[in-house]
N, C-alpha and C. Protein backbone atom coordinates (compact mmCIF):
# COMPACT_ATOMS: atom_id res chain seq x y z
N TRP A 1 -4.23 -18.29 -2.88
CA TRP A 1 -4.18 -18.54 -1.19
C TRP A 1 -3.95 -19.95 -1.01
N THR A 2 -4.22 -20.94 -1.97
CA THR A 2 -3.93 -22.42 -1.83
C THR A 2 -2.63 -22.78 -2.24
N ASN A 3 -1.83 -22.22 -2.94
CA ASN A 3 -0.48 -22.44 -3.44
C ASN A 3 -0.63 -23.81 -4.42
N GLU A 4 -1.67 -23.91 -4.94
CA GLU A 4 -2.10 -24.94 -5.99
C GLU A 4 -1.57 -24.47 -7.43
N LYS A 5 -0.89 -25.23 -7.90
CA LYS A 5 -0.12 -24.97 -9.09
C LYS A 5 -0.95 -25.42 -10.49
N ILE A 6 -1.08 -24.35 -11.20
CA ILE A 6 -2.02 -24.35 -12.29
C ILE A 6 -1.31 -24.28 -13.63
N GLU A 7 -1.53 -24.99 -14.75
CA GLU A 7 -0.75 -24.71 -16.10
C GLU A 7 -1.28 -23.39 -16.58
N GLY A 8 -0.53 -22.46 -17.14
CA GLY A 8 -1.03 -21.10 -17.66
C GLY A 8 -1.41 -21.20 -18.99
N GLY A 9 -1.72 -20.28 -19.70
CA GLY A 9 -1.95 -20.02 -21.15
C GLY A 9 -3.65 -20.47 -21.35
N ARG A 10 -4.38 -20.62 -20.24
CA ARG A 10 -5.84 -21.00 -20.61
C ARG A 10 -6.89 -19.90 -19.73
N GLU A 11 -7.90 -19.73 -20.14
CA GLU A 11 -8.84 -19.34 -19.38
C GLU A 11 -9.38 -20.21 -18.16
N ILE A 12 -9.49 -19.63 -16.73
CA ILE A 12 -10.29 -20.45 -15.93
C ILE A 12 -11.61 -19.84 -15.41
N THR A 13 -12.43 -20.47 -15.13
CA THR A 13 -13.68 -20.23 -14.63
C THR A 13 -13.67 -20.91 -13.15
N ARG A 14 -13.80 -20.08 -12.37
CA ARG A 14 -14.08 -20.71 -10.75
C ARG A 14 -15.12 -20.05 -9.95
N GLU A 15 -15.91 -20.96 -9.26
CA GLU A 15 -16.83 -20.21 -8.42
C GLU A 15 -16.43 -20.01 -7.02
N THR A 16 -16.57 -18.65 -6.56
CA THR A 16 -15.96 -18.49 -5.48
C THR A 16 -17.10 -17.88 -4.42
N THR A 17 -16.82 -17.30 -3.27
CA THR A 17 -17.83 -16.46 -2.52
C THR A 17 -17.30 -15.09 -2.33
N LEU A 18 -18.21 -14.31 -2.03
CA LEU A 18 -17.87 -12.77 -1.66
C LEU A 18 -16.42 -12.52 -0.73
N ASP A 19 -16.35 -13.47 -0.03
CA ASP A 19 -15.15 -12.95 0.70
C ASP A 19 -13.86 -13.91 0.61
N LEU A 20 -14.05 -14.26 -0.95
CA LEU A 20 -12.55 -14.80 -1.34
C LEU A 20 -12.22 -14.68 -2.79
N ILE A 21 -11.15 -13.87 -3.20
CA ILE A 21 -10.81 -13.44 -4.32
C ILE A 21 -10.13 -14.28 -4.91
N PRO A 22 -9.93 -15.13 -6.02
CA PRO A 22 -8.87 -15.85 -6.24
C PRO A 22 -7.75 -15.10 -7.05
N LEU A 23 -6.43 -15.55 -6.79
CA LEU A 23 -5.30 -14.65 -7.06
C LEU A 23 -4.60 -15.64 -7.81
N TYR A 24 -3.90 -15.44 -9.14
CA TYR A 24 -3.04 -16.22 -10.15
C TYR A 24 -1.90 -15.53 -9.67
N ILE A 25 -0.79 -16.38 -9.47
CA ILE A 25 0.45 -15.64 -9.69
C ILE A 25 1.41 -16.36 -10.53
N LYS A 26 2.02 -15.56 -11.48
CA LYS A 26 2.83 -16.03 -12.42
C LYS A 26 4.38 -16.70 -11.75
N ALA A 27 4.60 -17.92 -12.13
CA ALA A 27 5.79 -18.61 -11.89
C ALA A 27 6.93 -17.63 -11.91
N GLY A 28 7.84 -17.44 -11.07
CA GLY A 28 8.99 -16.51 -10.97
C GLY A 28 8.81 -15.29 -10.37
N SER A 29 7.53 -15.23 -10.07
CA SER A 29 7.21 -13.93 -9.33
C SER A 29 7.81 -13.70 -8.06
N ILE A 30 8.09 -12.48 -7.76
CA ILE A 30 8.51 -11.84 -6.47
C ILE A 30 7.71 -10.86 -6.05
N VAL A 31 6.90 -11.15 -4.66
CA VAL A 31 5.67 -10.64 -4.29
C VAL A 31 5.95 -9.90 -3.11
N PRO A 32 6.25 -8.43 -2.71
CA PRO A 32 6.44 -8.01 -1.55
C PRO A 32 4.98 -7.90 -0.60
N PHE A 33 5.39 -8.15 0.61
CA PHE A 33 4.32 -7.71 1.59
C PHE A 33 4.95 -6.84 2.50
N GLY A 34 4.20 -5.82 3.28
CA GLY A 34 4.73 -4.92 3.85
C GLY A 34 3.89 -4.87 5.16
N PRO A 35 3.93 -4.07 6.12
CA PRO A 35 3.18 -4.39 7.34
C PRO A 35 1.60 -3.65 7.01
N ASP A 36 0.85 -4.04 7.86
CA ASP A 36 -0.75 -3.77 7.71
C ASP A 36 -0.53 -2.16 8.11
N VAL A 37 -0.93 -1.27 7.30
CA VAL A 37 -1.01 0.04 7.59
C VAL A 37 -2.19 0.79 7.06
N GLN A 38 -2.52 1.73 7.68
CA GLN A 38 -3.72 2.76 7.27
C GLN A 38 -3.30 3.63 6.21
N TYR A 39 -1.98 4.07 6.71
CA TYR A 39 -1.15 5.05 5.84
C TYR A 39 0.31 4.78 5.67
N ALA A 40 0.82 5.46 4.74
CA ALA A 40 2.46 4.80 4.52
C ALA A 40 3.27 5.18 5.72
N THR A 41 3.05 6.25 6.66
CA THR A 41 3.98 6.60 7.46
C THR A 41 3.71 5.88 9.17
N GLU A 42 2.74 5.05 9.04
CA GLU A 42 1.97 4.70 10.32
C GLU A 42 3.09 3.80 11.02
N LYS A 43 3.68 2.91 10.50
CA LYS A 43 4.75 2.03 10.82
C LYS A 43 5.91 1.90 10.24
N PRO A 44 7.06 1.71 10.69
CA PRO A 44 8.14 1.48 9.69
C PRO A 44 8.19 0.14 9.12
N TRP A 45 8.59 0.33 7.76
CA TRP A 45 8.74 -0.73 6.77
C TRP A 45 9.81 -1.41 6.87
N ASP A 46 10.71 -1.85 7.88
CA ASP A 46 11.87 -2.28 8.16
C ASP A 46 11.81 -3.93 8.11
N SER A 47 10.89 -4.37 7.95
CA SER A 47 10.79 -5.77 8.07
C SER A 47 9.58 -6.18 6.90
N LEU A 48 10.38 -6.87 5.99
CA LEU A 48 9.02 -7.33 4.65
C LEU A 48 9.15 -8.63 4.44
N VAL A 49 8.24 -9.04 3.99
CA VAL A 49 8.16 -10.44 3.53
C VAL A 49 8.13 -10.40 2.17
N LEU A 50 9.08 -11.31 1.52
CA LEU A 50 9.13 -11.54 0.06
C LEU A 50 8.46 -12.81 -0.32
N ARG A 51 7.57 -12.96 -0.78
CA ARG A 51 7.04 -14.40 -1.48
C ARG A 51 7.33 -14.44 -2.78
N VAL A 52 8.39 -15.54 -3.06
CA VAL A 52 8.65 -16.08 -4.18
C VAL A 52 7.94 -17.24 -4.74
N TYR A 53 7.64 -17.20 -6.04
CA TYR A 53 7.00 -18.19 -6.62
C TYR A 53 7.78 -19.30 -7.49
N PRO A 54 8.31 -20.30 -7.46
CA PRO A 54 9.09 -20.99 -8.30
C PRO A 54 8.55 -21.38 -9.49
N GLY A 55 9.36 -21.82 -10.54
CA GLY A 55 8.85 -22.34 -11.78
C GLY A 55 9.35 -21.66 -13.04
N ALA A 56 10.17 -20.53 -12.47
CA ALA A 56 10.57 -19.62 -13.83
C ALA A 56 11.33 -18.66 -13.26
N ASP A 57 12.31 -18.30 -13.69
CA ASP A 57 13.20 -17.06 -13.50
C ASP A 57 12.13 -15.77 -13.41
N GLY A 58 12.48 -14.72 -12.40
CA GLY A 58 11.85 -13.80 -12.41
C GLY A 58 12.59 -12.28 -11.71
N SER A 59 12.00 -11.24 -11.69
CA SER A 59 12.77 -10.18 -11.35
C SER A 59 11.76 -9.28 -10.66
N PHE A 60 12.00 -8.35 -9.79
CA PHE A 60 11.28 -7.15 -9.12
C PHE A 60 12.30 -6.19 -8.79
N VAL A 61 11.97 -5.08 -8.93
CA VAL A 61 12.36 -3.96 -8.16
C VAL A 61 11.77 -3.12 -7.22
N LEU A 62 12.24 -3.38 -5.77
CA LEU A 62 11.53 -2.52 -4.96
C LEU A 62 11.95 -0.82 -4.79
N TYR A 63 10.76 -0.12 -5.00
CA TYR A 63 10.98 1.31 -5.00
C TYR A 63 10.54 1.71 -3.81
N GLU A 64 11.41 3.00 -3.39
CA GLU A 64 10.91 3.67 -1.92
C GLU A 64 11.35 5.11 -2.27
N ASP A 65 10.43 6.03 -1.44
CA ASP A 65 10.72 7.33 -1.45
C ASP A 65 10.49 7.70 -0.49
N GLU A 66 10.19 9.20 -0.09
CA GLU A 66 9.78 9.75 1.19
C GLU A 66 8.43 9.66 1.30
N PHE A 67 7.58 9.13 0.49
CA PHE A 67 6.18 9.07 0.84
C PHE A 67 5.25 10.26 0.74
N ASP A 68 5.73 11.56 0.98
CA ASP A 68 4.83 12.83 1.15
C ASP A 68 5.14 14.06 0.49
N ASN A 69 5.97 13.75 -0.77
CA ASN A 69 6.48 15.08 -1.39
C ASN A 69 6.84 14.56 -2.87
N TYR A 70 7.46 15.51 -3.51
CA TYR A 70 7.48 15.29 -4.73
C TYR A 70 9.02 15.23 -5.21
N ASN A 71 10.20 14.98 -4.05
CA ASN A 71 11.44 14.83 -4.18
C ASN A 71 12.14 13.66 -5.09
N TYR A 72 10.98 12.72 -5.01
CA TYR A 72 11.52 11.90 -6.26
C TYR A 72 11.78 12.15 -7.62
N GLU A 73 10.81 13.26 -7.75
CA GLU A 73 11.24 13.92 -9.31
C GLU A 73 12.64 14.52 -9.35
N LYS A 74 13.15 14.57 -8.38
CA LYS A 74 14.73 15.32 -8.43
C LYS A 74 15.94 14.17 -7.99
N GLY A 75 15.02 12.79 -7.92
CA GLY A 75 16.15 11.86 -7.83
C GLY A 75 16.23 11.20 -6.36
N ALA A 76 15.18 11.67 -5.32
CA ALA A 76 15.19 11.42 -3.88
C ALA A 76 14.40 10.17 -4.02
N TYR A 77 15.12 8.90 -4.40
CA TYR A 77 14.24 7.63 -4.03
C TYR A 77 15.40 6.40 -4.05
N THR A 78 15.00 5.27 -3.64
CA THR A 78 15.88 4.21 -3.69
C THR A 78 15.19 2.87 -4.77
N GLU A 79 16.05 2.24 -5.03
CA GLU A 79 15.65 0.91 -5.88
C GLU A 79 16.35 -0.03 -5.45
N ILE A 80 15.74 -1.44 -5.14
CA ILE A 80 16.75 -2.54 -4.65
C ILE A 80 16.16 -3.47 -5.53
N PRO A 81 16.94 -3.93 -6.56
CA PRO A 81 16.74 -5.06 -7.57
C PRO A 81 16.63 -6.38 -6.93
N MET A 82 15.87 -7.11 -7.37
CA MET A 82 15.77 -8.51 -6.86
C MET A 82 15.53 -9.55 -7.89
N SER A 83 16.15 -10.50 -7.87
CA SER A 83 15.92 -11.72 -9.12
C SER A 83 15.98 -13.07 -8.52
N TRP A 84 14.99 -13.79 -9.09
CA TRP A 84 14.96 -15.19 -8.60
C TRP A 84 15.50 -15.96 -9.77
N ASP A 85 16.46 -17.11 -9.69
CA ASP A 85 17.08 -17.80 -10.60
C ASP A 85 16.69 -19.36 -10.19
N ASP A 86 15.64 -19.60 -11.19
CA ASP A 86 14.75 -20.91 -10.56
C ASP A 86 16.00 -22.36 -10.74
N SER A 87 16.87 -22.29 -11.95
CA SER A 87 17.71 -23.42 -11.66
C SER A 87 18.52 -23.70 -10.61
N SER A 88 19.08 -22.54 -10.02
CA SER A 88 19.89 -22.60 -8.72
C SER A 88 18.76 -22.33 -7.22
N ARG A 89 17.72 -21.85 -7.66
CA ARG A 89 16.89 -21.71 -6.59
C ARG A 89 17.48 -20.77 -5.52
N ARG A 90 17.60 -19.47 -6.08
CA ARG A 90 18.48 -18.47 -5.64
C ARG A 90 17.74 -17.34 -5.91
N LEU A 91 17.61 -16.45 -4.51
CA LEU A 91 17.10 -15.41 -4.86
C LEU A 91 18.22 -14.29 -4.53
N ILE A 92 18.50 -13.10 -5.42
CA ILE A 92 19.53 -12.46 -5.25
C ILE A 92 18.71 -10.95 -4.77
N LEU A 93 19.10 -10.15 -3.82
CA LEU A 93 18.58 -9.19 -3.50
C LEU A 93 19.87 -8.13 -3.70
N GLY A 94 19.77 -7.48 -4.77
CA GLY A 94 21.18 -6.62 -5.38
C GLY A 94 21.20 -5.46 -4.70
N THR A 95 22.32 -4.41 -5.14
CA THR A 95 22.86 -3.60 -4.30
C THR A 95 22.02 -2.46 -4.80
N ARG A 96 21.55 -1.94 -3.52
CA ARG A 96 20.58 -0.54 -3.43
C ARG A 96 21.13 0.35 -4.26
N LYS A 97 20.17 1.05 -5.09
CA LYS A 97 20.51 2.18 -5.63
C LYS A 97 20.04 3.69 -5.38
N GLY A 98 20.51 4.65 -5.46
CA GLY A 98 19.76 5.78 -4.67
C GLY A 98 19.78 6.17 -3.30
N GLU A 99 19.37 7.03 -2.80
CA GLU A 99 18.99 7.57 -1.57
C GLU A 99 18.31 8.54 -1.26
N TYR A 100 17.64 8.90 -0.33
CA TYR A 100 17.18 9.77 0.15
C TYR A 100 17.22 10.22 1.73
N LYS A 101 16.51 11.35 2.08
CA LYS A 101 16.74 11.96 3.70
C LYS A 101 15.81 10.92 4.36
N GLY A 102 16.27 10.22 5.41
CA GLY A 102 15.67 9.33 6.46
C GLY A 102 15.21 8.13 6.02
N MET A 103 16.04 7.72 4.74
CA MET A 103 15.77 6.24 4.27
C MET A 103 16.28 5.24 5.32
N LEU A 104 15.60 4.13 5.41
CA LEU A 104 16.11 2.96 6.06
C LEU A 104 17.46 2.52 5.75
N GLN A 105 18.60 2.42 6.57
CA GLN A 105 19.53 2.15 6.23
C GLN A 105 19.90 0.73 5.96
N SER A 106 18.84 -0.13 6.73
CA SER A 106 19.12 -1.61 7.00
C SER A 106 17.48 -1.97 7.27
N ARG A 107 17.48 -3.39 6.96
CA ARG A 107 15.81 -4.06 6.99
C ARG A 107 15.96 -5.57 7.08
N GLU A 108 15.14 -6.25 7.55
CA GLU A 108 15.25 -7.58 7.32
C GLU A 108 13.98 -8.19 6.36
N PHE A 109 14.39 -9.20 5.58
CA PHE A 109 13.35 -9.78 4.83
C PHE A 109 13.34 -11.07 5.10
N THR A 110 12.13 -11.40 4.91
CA THR A 110 11.75 -12.88 5.18
C THR A 110 11.23 -13.44 3.85
N VAL A 111 11.78 -14.15 3.24
CA VAL A 111 11.66 -14.82 2.04
C VAL A 111 11.33 -16.13 2.25
N VAL A 112 9.79 -16.34 1.49
CA VAL A 112 9.00 -17.40 1.74
C VAL A 112 8.57 -18.09 0.31
N LEU A 113 8.72 -19.44 0.32
CA LEU A 113 8.34 -20.19 -0.70
C LEU A 113 6.98 -20.85 -0.50
N PRO A 114 6.13 -21.23 -1.52
CA PRO A 114 4.85 -21.63 -1.20
C PRO A 114 4.77 -22.91 -0.60
N ASP A 115 5.80 -23.60 -0.55
CA ASP A 115 6.03 -24.80 0.11
C ASP A 115 5.89 -24.58 1.87
N GLY A 116 6.11 -23.41 2.25
CA GLY A 116 6.09 -23.03 3.51
C GLY A 116 7.53 -22.84 3.90
N ARG A 117 8.63 -23.17 3.11
CA ARG A 117 10.00 -23.09 3.73
C ARG A 117 10.34 -21.34 3.50
N GLN A 118 11.15 -21.22 4.50
CA GLN A 118 11.43 -19.62 4.69
C GLN A 118 12.67 -19.33 5.20
N LYS A 119 13.22 -18.27 5.15
CA LYS A 119 14.68 -17.84 5.44
C LYS A 119 14.42 -16.29 5.98
N SER A 120 15.28 -15.98 6.74
CA SER A 120 15.46 -14.46 7.09
C SER A 120 16.73 -13.86 6.59
N VAL A 121 16.61 -12.85 6.20
CA VAL A 121 18.09 -12.40 5.81
C VAL A 121 17.97 -10.90 6.22
N SER A 122 19.38 -10.50 6.57
CA SER A 122 19.53 -8.84 7.01
C SER A 122 19.93 -8.10 5.71
N TYR A 123 19.73 -7.32 5.42
CA TYR A 123 19.94 -6.16 4.21
C TYR A 123 20.31 -4.91 4.58
N ASN A 124 21.42 -4.60 4.24
CA ASN A 124 21.85 -3.27 4.66
C ASN A 124 22.30 -2.36 3.11
N GLY A 125 21.70 -2.82 1.89
CA GLY A 125 21.96 -1.96 0.81
C GLY A 125 22.95 -2.74 0.00
N LYS A 126 23.62 -3.66 0.49
CA LYS A 126 24.71 -4.44 -0.25
C LYS A 126 24.05 -5.74 -0.77
N LYS A 127 24.31 -6.34 -1.82
CA LYS A 127 23.93 -7.44 -2.50
C LYS A 127 24.39 -8.79 -1.46
N VAL A 128 23.17 -9.56 -1.63
CA VAL A 128 22.88 -10.40 -0.66
C VAL A 128 22.08 -11.73 -1.65
N SER A 129 22.64 -12.84 -1.30
CA SER A 129 22.18 -14.13 -1.91
C SER A 129 21.37 -15.15 -0.98
N VAL A 130 20.12 -15.43 -1.10
CA VAL A 130 19.39 -16.31 -0.61
C VAL A 130 19.07 -17.56 -1.29
N LYS A 131 19.76 -18.70 -0.82
CA LYS A 131 19.69 -20.11 -1.52
C LYS A 131 18.88 -21.18 -0.55
N PHE A 132 17.82 -21.68 -1.86
CA PHE A 132 16.82 -22.50 -0.94
C PHE A 132 17.20 -23.77 -1.37
């Protein structure tokens, strides 16, 4: 929560309170945040925040399906590959793979770095590059 950079490969002991859980994220991670919901279909997931943690290359695949059935077993789902290239400081949102009935055709991503810099990008299933 502090965006403090800590060298990895070691054990960390930290005092904390009941309302604070330390969260350590590996360099290169891409962590998506959706809307605050109580159940999957409460709100549309058409605007997501992608928190990217520089320091290494990384990748992530955003998987989505119909939420409420087993049609994913028959191939009714999508995947959006994402990769962070640390040397060029570029996030690539790859071409969407797959489809399912009622899927979002487009959405907004807000890409946020730990230093607070952010960029918004419209995504419609085609490859998009976001440079920082």
